[in-house]
Amino acid sequence: MGREHLSNDEFFTQLGNLFEHNRKKGHGSVYLTQKRLIFDSASTPATPTKVADDPLWDTHPENPLPVLIRASNNASDKKAGTERQDVAKIVLSTIVEPGDIDTFYIRYAEACKAGMSSLKKRDRKKGKKDKKRKKVAV
């Protein structure tokens, strides 16, 4: 857990590189996760007080919490005898402050769209095409 978090700009640069790396290899996945950051070593947020009527009392903090964003190529699931055994695991993370969330997600969406630009169009099953043809012919 001793990893340092990247700045938001560094995160987007490295995320673009990760998408490009997978595109050149011709296969691979990029896993993107996000969660609110409950504990920050720099400042400990005040714990919300428990309310008897509210079953989700811990989801209403007094101050907005930052968000932890992670990206990984998940190369830890290597199996012996596969060609992917030489791929090193890449893990990226950044912390987004509550005031920067809107601008971050705009850039995040653009980076994700750019990373998905080389995806192949899904092959449809022949059965669906045949059903459509029958309906039109009738």
N, C-alpha and C. Protein backbone atom coordinates (compact mmCIF):
# COMPACT_ATOMS: atom_id res chain seq x y z
N MET A 1 0.81 -1.19 0.00
CA MET A 1 0.00 0.00 0.00
C MET A 1 0.86 1.25 0.00
N GLY A 2 2.14 1.14 -0.24
CA GLY A 2 3.04 2.28 -0.20
C GLY A 2 3.13 3.02 -1.52
N ARG A 3 2.21 2.77 -2.45
CA ARG A 3 2.26 3.43 -3.74
C ARG A 3 1.88 4.90 -3.61
N GLU A 4 2.55 5.71 -4.39
CA GLU A 4 2.22 7.12 -4.44
C GLU A 4 1.14 7.34 -5.49
N HIS A 5 0.24 8.26 -5.23
CA HIS A 5 -0.80 8.60 -6.19
C HIS A 5 -0.26 9.63 -7.16
N LEU A 6 -0.67 9.50 -8.41
CA LEU A 6 -0.25 10.42 -9.45
C LEU A 6 -1.10 11.68 -9.38
N SER A 7 -0.57 12.77 -9.93
CA SER A 7 -1.42 13.95 -10.09
C SER A 7 -2.42 13.64 -11.19
N ASN A 8 -3.47 14.43 -11.29
CA ASN A 8 -4.50 14.17 -12.29
C ASN A 8 -3.94 14.22 -13.70
N ASP A 9 -3.06 15.18 -14.00
CA ASP A 9 -2.46 15.29 -15.34
C ASP A 9 -1.58 14.08 -15.65
N GLU A 10 -0.76 13.67 -14.68
CA GLU A 10 0.09 12.49 -14.87
C GLU A 10 -0.76 11.24 -15.07
N PHE A 11 -1.87 11.15 -14.34
CA PHE A 11 -2.77 10.00 -14.45
C PHE A 11 -3.31 9.89 -15.87
N PHE A 12 -3.76 11.00 -16.46
CA PHE A 12 -4.31 10.96 -17.82
C PHE A 12 -3.24 10.63 -18.84
N THR A 13 -2.02 11.11 -18.64
CA THR A 13 -0.92 10.77 -19.54
C THR A 13 -0.63 9.27 -19.48
N GLN A 14 -0.53 8.73 -18.27
CA GLN A 14 -0.24 7.31 -18.11
C GLN A 14 -1.41 6.43 -18.57
N LEU A 15 -2.65 6.91 -18.37
CA LEU A 15 -3.82 6.15 -18.81
C LEU A 15 -3.84 6.06 -20.33
N GLY A 16 -3.50 7.16 -21.00
CA GLY A 16 -3.39 7.13 -22.47
C GLY A 16 -2.33 6.16 -22.93
N ASN A 17 -1.20 6.13 -22.23
CA ASN A 17 -0.13 5.19 -22.55
C ASN A 17 -0.57 3.75 -22.33
N LEU A 18 -1.36 3.51 -21.28
CA LEU A 18 -1.85 2.17 -20.99
C LEU A 18 -2.80 1.69 -22.09
N PHE A 19 -3.71 2.56 -22.52
CA PHE A 19 -4.61 2.21 -23.62
C PHE A 19 -3.81 1.94 -24.90
N GLU A 20 -2.83 2.77 -25.18
CA GLU A 20 -2.01 2.61 -26.38
C GLU A 20 -1.20 1.31 -26.32
N HIS A 21 -0.67 0.98 -25.17
CA HIS A 21 0.09 -0.26 -24.99
C HIS A 21 -0.78 -1.47 -25.30
N ASN A 22 -2.01 -1.47 -24.79
CA ASN A 22 -2.92 -2.59 -25.05
C ASN A 22 -3.35 -2.64 -26.51
N ARG A 23 -3.47 -1.48 -27.13
CA ARG A 23 -3.85 -1.43 -28.54
C ARG A 23 -2.74 -2.03 -29.41
N LYS A 24 -1.49 -1.74 -29.08
CA LYS A 24 -0.36 -2.28 -29.86
C LYS A 24 -0.23 -3.79 -29.68
N LYS A 25 -0.52 -4.28 -28.49
CA LYS A 25 -0.44 -5.72 -28.23
C LYS A 25 -1.56 -6.48 -28.94
N GLY A 26 -2.65 -5.79 -29.22
CA GLY A 26 -3.76 -6.43 -29.90
C GLY A 26 -4.73 -7.14 -28.98
N HIS A 27 -4.45 -7.15 -27.69
CA HIS A 27 -5.35 -7.77 -26.73
C HIS A 27 -5.07 -7.18 -25.36
N GLY A 28 -5.93 -7.46 -24.45
CA GLY A 28 -5.75 -6.97 -23.09
C GLY A 28 -6.92 -6.13 -22.65
N SER A 29 -7.03 -5.99 -21.36
CA SER A 29 -8.12 -5.21 -20.78
C SER A 29 -7.56 -4.16 -19.85
N VAL A 30 -8.28 -3.07 -19.72
CA VAL A 30 -7.95 -2.04 -18.75
C VAL A 30 -9.12 -1.97 -17.79
N TYR A 31 -8.83 -2.15 -16.52
CA TYR A 31 -9.86 -2.12 -15.49
C TYR A 31 -9.82 -0.76 -14.82
N LEU A 32 -10.96 -0.09 -14.80
CA LEU A 32 -11.09 1.23 -14.19
C LEU A 32 -12.00 1.11 -12.98
N THR A 33 -11.53 1.57 -11.83
CA THR A 33 -12.35 1.53 -10.62
C THR A 33 -12.33 2.89 -9.96
N GLN A 34 -13.36 3.15 -9.18
CA GLN A 34 -13.43 4.40 -8.44
C GLN A 34 -14.18 4.17 -7.14
N LYS A 35 -13.77 4.89 -6.11
CA LYS A 35 -14.46 4.81 -4.84
C LYS A 35 -14.13 6.06 -4.04
N ARG A 36 -14.96 6.37 -3.08
CA ARG A 36 -14.69 7.54 -2.27
C ARG A 36 -13.56 7.21 -1.31
N LEU A 37 -12.75 8.18 -1.06
CA LEU A 37 -11.59 7.99 -0.20
C LEU A 37 -11.98 8.35 1.22
N ILE A 38 -12.09 7.35 2.06
CA ILE A 38 -12.55 7.56 3.42
C ILE A 38 -11.42 8.03 4.31
N PHE A 39 -10.24 7.44 4.13
CA PHE A 39 -9.12 7.80 4.99
C PHE A 39 -8.02 8.42 4.17
N ASP A 40 -7.60 9.60 4.57
CA ASP A 40 -6.48 10.29 3.94
C ASP A 40 -5.48 10.59 5.04
N SER A 41 -4.24 10.22 4.85
CA SER A 41 -3.25 10.41 5.91
C SER A 41 -2.98 11.87 6.21
N ALA A 42 -3.24 12.77 5.25
CA ALA A 42 -2.99 14.19 5.47
C ALA A 42 -4.04 14.80 6.40
N SER A 43 -5.29 14.44 6.21
CA SER A 43 -6.34 14.99 7.06
C SER A 43 -7.42 13.93 7.27
N THR A 44 -7.76 13.69 8.50
CA THR A 44 -8.78 12.71 8.80
C THR A 44 -10.13 13.40 8.84
N PRO A 45 -11.08 13.01 7.96
CA PRO A 45 -12.38 13.66 7.97
C PRO A 45 -13.18 13.31 9.21
N ALA A 46 -14.04 14.20 9.59
CA ALA A 46 -14.88 13.96 10.77
C ALA A 46 -15.87 12.84 10.45
N THR A 47 -16.04 11.93 11.38
CA THR A 47 -16.98 10.83 11.19
C THR A 47 -18.40 11.36 11.37
N PRO A 48 -19.31 11.06 10.44
CA PRO A 48 -20.68 11.53 10.61
C PRO A 48 -21.34 10.87 11.82
N THR A 49 -22.26 11.59 12.42
CA THR A 49 -22.94 11.04 13.59
C THR A 49 -24.06 10.11 13.14
N LYS A 50 -24.23 9.04 13.85
CA LYS A 50 -25.22 8.04 13.50
C LYS A 50 -26.62 8.55 13.82
N VAL A 51 -27.52 8.39 12.84
CA VAL A 51 -28.91 8.80 13.01
C VAL A 51 -29.75 7.53 13.06
N ALA A 52 -30.65 7.45 14.03
CA ALA A 52 -31.43 6.23 14.23
C ALA A 52 -32.36 5.93 13.06
N ASP A 53 -32.95 6.95 12.45
CA ASP A 53 -33.93 6.74 11.38
C ASP A 53 -33.30 6.48 10.02
N ASP A 54 -32.04 6.81 9.84
CA ASP A 54 -31.39 6.73 8.53
C ASP A 54 -30.50 5.49 8.45
N PRO A 55 -30.89 4.47 7.66
CA PRO A 55 -30.03 3.28 7.55
C PRO A 55 -28.75 3.56 6.77
N LEU A 56 -28.70 4.62 6.01
CA LEU A 56 -27.50 4.97 5.24
C LEU A 56 -26.80 6.20 5.83
N TRP A 57 -26.72 6.27 7.13
CA TRP A 57 -26.18 7.44 7.80
C TRP A 57 -24.73 7.72 7.42
N ASP A 58 -23.97 6.68 7.10
CA ASP A 58 -22.55 6.89 6.79
C ASP A 58 -22.32 7.39 5.36
N THR A 59 -23.38 7.50 4.56
CA THR A 59 -23.22 8.01 3.19
C THR A 59 -23.44 9.51 3.11
N HIS A 60 -23.66 10.16 4.23
CA HIS A 60 -23.87 11.60 4.26
C HIS A 60 -22.79 12.27 5.11
N PRO A 61 -21.55 12.34 4.63
CA PRO A 61 -20.50 12.96 5.44
C PRO A 61 -20.72 14.47 5.55
N GLU A 62 -20.16 15.05 6.59
CA GLU A 62 -20.31 16.49 6.80
C GLU A 62 -19.62 17.28 5.69
N ASN A 63 -18.45 16.83 5.30
CA ASN A 63 -17.71 17.48 4.21
C ASN A 63 -17.61 16.51 3.04
N PRO A 64 -17.62 17.03 1.80
CA PRO A 64 -17.47 16.12 0.65
C PRO A 64 -16.13 15.38 0.71
N LEU A 65 -16.17 14.12 0.32
CA LEU A 65 -14.96 13.30 0.36
C LEU A 65 -14.31 13.23 -1.01
N PRO A 66 -12.98 13.12 -1.07
CA PRO A 66 -12.32 12.95 -2.36
C PRO A 66 -12.61 11.56 -2.94
N VAL A 67 -12.31 11.40 -4.23
CA VAL A 67 -12.56 10.14 -4.92
C VAL A 67 -11.22 9.55 -5.35
N LEU A 68 -11.06 8.25 -5.14
CA LEU A 68 -9.87 7.53 -5.56
C LEU A 68 -10.18 6.84 -6.88
N ILE A 69 -9.40 7.12 -7.93
CA ILE A 69 -9.58 6.52 -9.25
C ILE A 69 -8.38 5.62 -9.51
N ARG A 70 -8.65 4.40 -9.94
CA ARG A 70 -7.57 3.46 -10.26
C ARG A 70 -7.74 2.91 -11.67
N ALA A 71 -6.61 2.62 -12.31
CA ALA A 71 -6.61 1.95 -13.61
C ALA A 71 -5.55 0.86 -13.54
N SER A 72 -5.87 -0.30 -14.11
CA SER A 72 -4.94 -1.43 -14.06
C SER A 72 -5.12 -2.28 -15.30
N ASN A 73 -4.03 -2.92 -15.74
CA ASN A 73 -4.13 -3.87 -16.84
C ASN A 73 -4.39 -5.28 -16.33
N ASN A 74 -4.41 -5.46 -15.01
CA ASN A 74 -4.75 -6.72 -14.36
C ASN A 74 -3.92 -7.89 -14.89
N ALA A 75 -2.64 -7.68 -15.01
CA ALA A 75 -1.75 -8.72 -15.52
C ALA A 75 -1.39 -9.76 -14.47
N SER A 76 -1.96 -9.67 -13.29
CA SER A 76 -1.63 -10.63 -12.24
C SER A 76 -2.28 -11.99 -12.46
N ASP A 77 -3.24 -12.06 -13.40
CA ASP A 77 -3.91 -13.34 -13.64
C ASP A 77 -3.21 -14.16 -14.73
N LYS A 78 -1.88 -14.07 -14.76
CA LYS A 78 -1.10 -14.81 -15.75
C LYS A 78 -1.17 -16.30 -15.48
N LYS A 79 -1.32 -17.06 -16.53
CA LYS A 79 -1.33 -18.51 -16.41
C LYS A 79 -0.07 -19.05 -17.09
N ALA A 80 0.48 -20.08 -16.52
CA ALA A 80 1.68 -20.69 -17.09
C ALA A 80 1.36 -21.26 -18.47
N GLY A 81 2.26 -21.02 -19.40
CA GLY A 81 2.09 -21.57 -20.73
C GLY A 81 1.35 -20.65 -21.69
N THR A 82 0.98 -19.45 -21.27
CA THR A 82 0.30 -18.53 -22.18
C THR A 82 1.27 -17.49 -22.69
N GLU A 83 0.92 -16.86 -23.81
CA GLU A 83 1.82 -15.86 -24.39
C GLU A 83 1.79 -14.55 -23.62
N ARG A 84 0.84 -14.37 -22.71
CA ARG A 84 0.73 -13.12 -21.96
C ARG A 84 1.58 -13.14 -20.70
N GLN A 85 2.39 -14.13 -20.53
CA GLN A 85 3.15 -14.27 -19.30
C GLN A 85 4.19 -13.17 -19.13
N ASP A 86 4.62 -12.53 -20.22
CA ASP A 86 5.66 -11.52 -20.13
C ASP A 86 5.12 -10.11 -19.86
N VAL A 87 3.84 -9.94 -19.71
CA VAL A 87 3.23 -8.64 -19.50
C VAL A 87 3.36 -8.24 -18.03
N ALA A 88 3.90 -7.05 -17.79
CA ALA A 88 4.05 -6.57 -16.42
C ALA A 88 2.77 -5.90 -15.96
N LYS A 89 2.47 -6.02 -14.70
CA LYS A 89 1.25 -5.40 -14.16
C LYS A 89 1.48 -3.90 -14.02
N ILE A 90 0.52 -3.13 -14.48
CA ILE A 90 0.57 -1.68 -14.39
C ILE A 90 -0.62 -1.22 -13.56
N VAL A 91 -0.35 -0.45 -12.52
CA VAL A 91 -1.41 0.07 -11.67
C VAL A 91 -1.22 1.58 -11.55
N LEU A 92 -2.27 2.32 -11.88
CA LEU A 92 -2.26 3.78 -11.78
C LEU A 92 -3.33 4.21 -10.80
N SER A 93 -3.08 5.27 -10.06
CA SER A 93 -4.12 5.78 -9.17
C SER A 93 -3.93 7.28 -8.98
N THR A 94 -5.04 7.95 -8.75
CA THR A 94 -5.03 9.38 -8.48
C THR A 94 -6.17 9.71 -7.53
N ILE A 95 -6.04 10.82 -6.85
CA ILE A 95 -7.07 11.28 -5.94
C ILE A 95 -7.67 12.55 -6.53
N VAL A 96 -8.99 12.57 -6.63
CA VAL A 96 -9.70 13.73 -7.17
C VAL A 96 -10.40 14.44 -6.02
N GLU A 97 -10.07 15.69 -5.84
CA GLU A 97 -10.69 16.49 -4.79
C GLU A 97 -12.12 16.84 -5.19
N PRO A 98 -13.01 17.05 -4.22
CA PRO A 98 -14.42 17.31 -4.52
C PRO A 98 -14.65 18.50 -5.45
N GLY A 99 -13.84 19.53 -5.38
CA GLY A 99 -14.01 20.70 -6.24
C GLY A 99 -13.60 20.46 -7.68
N ASP A 100 -12.78 19.45 -7.92
CA ASP A 100 -12.26 19.17 -9.26
C ASP A 100 -12.99 18.03 -9.98
N ILE A 101 -14.03 17.49 -9.38
CA ILE A 101 -14.68 16.29 -9.92
C ILE A 101 -15.28 16.54 -11.30
N ASP A 102 -15.96 17.65 -11.50
CA ASP A 102 -16.60 17.91 -12.79
C ASP A 102 -15.59 17.97 -13.94
N THR A 103 -14.53 18.74 -13.76
CA THR A 103 -13.53 18.84 -14.83
C THR A 103 -12.78 17.53 -15.02
N PHE A 104 -12.56 16.79 -13.92
CA PHE A 104 -11.87 15.51 -14.03
C PHE A 104 -12.69 14.53 -14.86
N TYR A 105 -13.99 14.42 -14.59
CA TYR A 105 -14.82 13.44 -15.30
C TYR A 105 -15.00 13.79 -16.77
N ILE A 106 -14.93 15.04 -17.12
CA ILE A 106 -14.97 15.42 -18.54
C ILE A 106 -13.74 14.85 -19.24
N ARG A 107 -12.56 15.06 -18.65
CA ARG A 107 -11.33 14.52 -19.23
C ARG A 107 -11.31 12.99 -19.18
N TYR A 108 -11.84 12.43 -18.12
CA TYR A 108 -11.89 10.98 -17.93
C TYR A 108 -12.73 10.33 -19.03
N ALA A 109 -13.88 10.92 -19.33
CA ALA A 109 -14.74 10.39 -20.38
C ALA A 109 -14.05 10.46 -21.74
N GLU A 110 -13.36 11.56 -22.01
CA GLU A 110 -12.63 11.70 -23.27
C GLU A 110 -11.52 10.65 -23.39
N ALA A 111 -10.80 10.41 -22.29
CA ALA A 111 -9.73 9.41 -22.30
C ALA A 111 -10.30 8.01 -22.52
N CYS A 112 -11.42 7.71 -21.91
CA CYS A 112 -12.04 6.39 -22.08
C CYS A 112 -12.54 6.20 -23.51
N LYS A 113 -13.14 7.24 -24.09
CA LYS A 113 -13.61 7.15 -25.47
C LYS A 113 -12.45 6.94 -26.41
N ALA A 114 -11.35 7.64 -26.18
CA ALA A 114 -10.16 7.48 -27.03
C ALA A 114 -9.59 6.07 -26.89
N GLY A 115 -9.63 5.52 -25.70
CA GLY A 115 -9.14 4.16 -25.47
C GLY A 115 -10.01 3.10 -26.10
N MET A 116 -11.28 3.40 -26.33
CA MET A 116 -12.19 2.43 -26.93
C MET A 116 -12.31 2.58 -28.43
N SER A 117 -11.59 3.49 -29.02
CA SER A 117 -11.73 3.76 -30.45
C SER A 117 -11.30 2.59 -31.33
N SER A 118 -10.42 1.75 -30.84
CA SER A 118 -9.93 0.65 -31.67
C SER A 118 -10.67 -0.67 -31.43
N LEU A 119 -11.75 -0.63 -30.69
CA LEU A 119 -12.50 -1.87 -30.44
C LEU A 119 -13.16 -2.35 -31.73
N LYS A 120 -13.25 -3.65 -31.85
CA LYS A 120 -13.90 -4.24 -33.02
C LYS A 120 -15.40 -4.24 -32.80
N LYS A 121 -16.14 -4.08 -33.90
CA LYS A 121 -17.58 -4.14 -33.81
C LYS A 121 -18.00 -5.57 -33.49
N ARG A 122 -18.96 -5.72 -32.62
CA ARG A 122 -19.40 -7.03 -32.17
C ARG A 122 -20.07 -7.79 -33.31
N ASP A 123 -19.70 -9.06 -33.46
CA ASP A 123 -20.33 -9.92 -34.45
C ASP A 123 -21.68 -10.36 -33.93
N ARG A 124 -22.69 -10.19 -34.74
CA ARG A 124 -24.03 -10.61 -34.35
C ARG A 124 -24.23 -12.06 -34.77
N LYS A 125 -25.06 -12.75 -34.04
CA LYS A 125 -25.33 -14.15 -34.37
C LYS A 125 -26.20 -14.22 -35.62
N LYS A 126 -26.00 -15.26 -36.39
CA LYS A 126 -26.75 -15.44 -37.64
C LYS A 126 -28.24 -15.63 -37.38
N GLY A 127 -28.60 -16.20 -36.25
CA GLY A 127 -30.01 -16.45 -35.94
C GLY A 127 -30.82 -15.16 -35.89
N LYS A 128 -30.25 -14.11 -35.38
CA LYS A 128 -30.97 -12.85 -35.30
C LYS A 128 -31.20 -12.26 -36.69
N LYS A 129 -30.23 -12.39 -37.56
CA LYS A 129 -30.37 -11.88 -38.93
C LYS A 129 -31.46 -12.66 -39.68
N ASP A 130 -31.48 -13.96 -39.48
CA ASP A 130 -32.48 -14.79 -40.15
C ASP A 130 -33.89 -14.44 -39.69
N LYS A 131 -34.08 -14.17 -38.41
CA LYS A 131 -35.40 -13.82 -37.90
C LYS A 131 -35.88 -12.51 -38.49
N LYS A 132 -34.96 -11.55 -38.63
CA LYS A 132 -35.34 -10.26 -39.21
C LYS A 132 -35.74 -10.43 -40.66
N ARG A 133 -35.03 -11.25 -41.41
CA ARG A 133 -35.35 -11.49 -42.79
C ARG A 133 -36.73 -12.14 -42.94
N LYS A 134 -37.05 -13.07 -42.07
CA LYS A 134 -38.33 -13.75 -42.12
C LYS A 134 -39.47 -12.80 -41.84
N LYS A 135 -39.28 -11.89 -40.87
CA LYS A 135 -40.31 -10.93 -40.53
C LYS A 135 -40.59 -9.98 -41.69
N VAL A 136 -39.54 -9.55 -42.37
CA VAL A 136 -39.70 -8.63 -43.48
C VAL A 136 -40.37 -9.33 -44.66
N ALA A 137 -40.05 -10.58 -44.90
CA ALA A 137 -40.58 -11.33 -46.02
C ALA A 137 -42.06 -11.66 -45.83
N VAL A 138 -42.52 -11.81 -44.64
CA VAL A 138 -43.89 -12.21 -44.36
C VAL A 138 -44.85 -11.11 -44.61
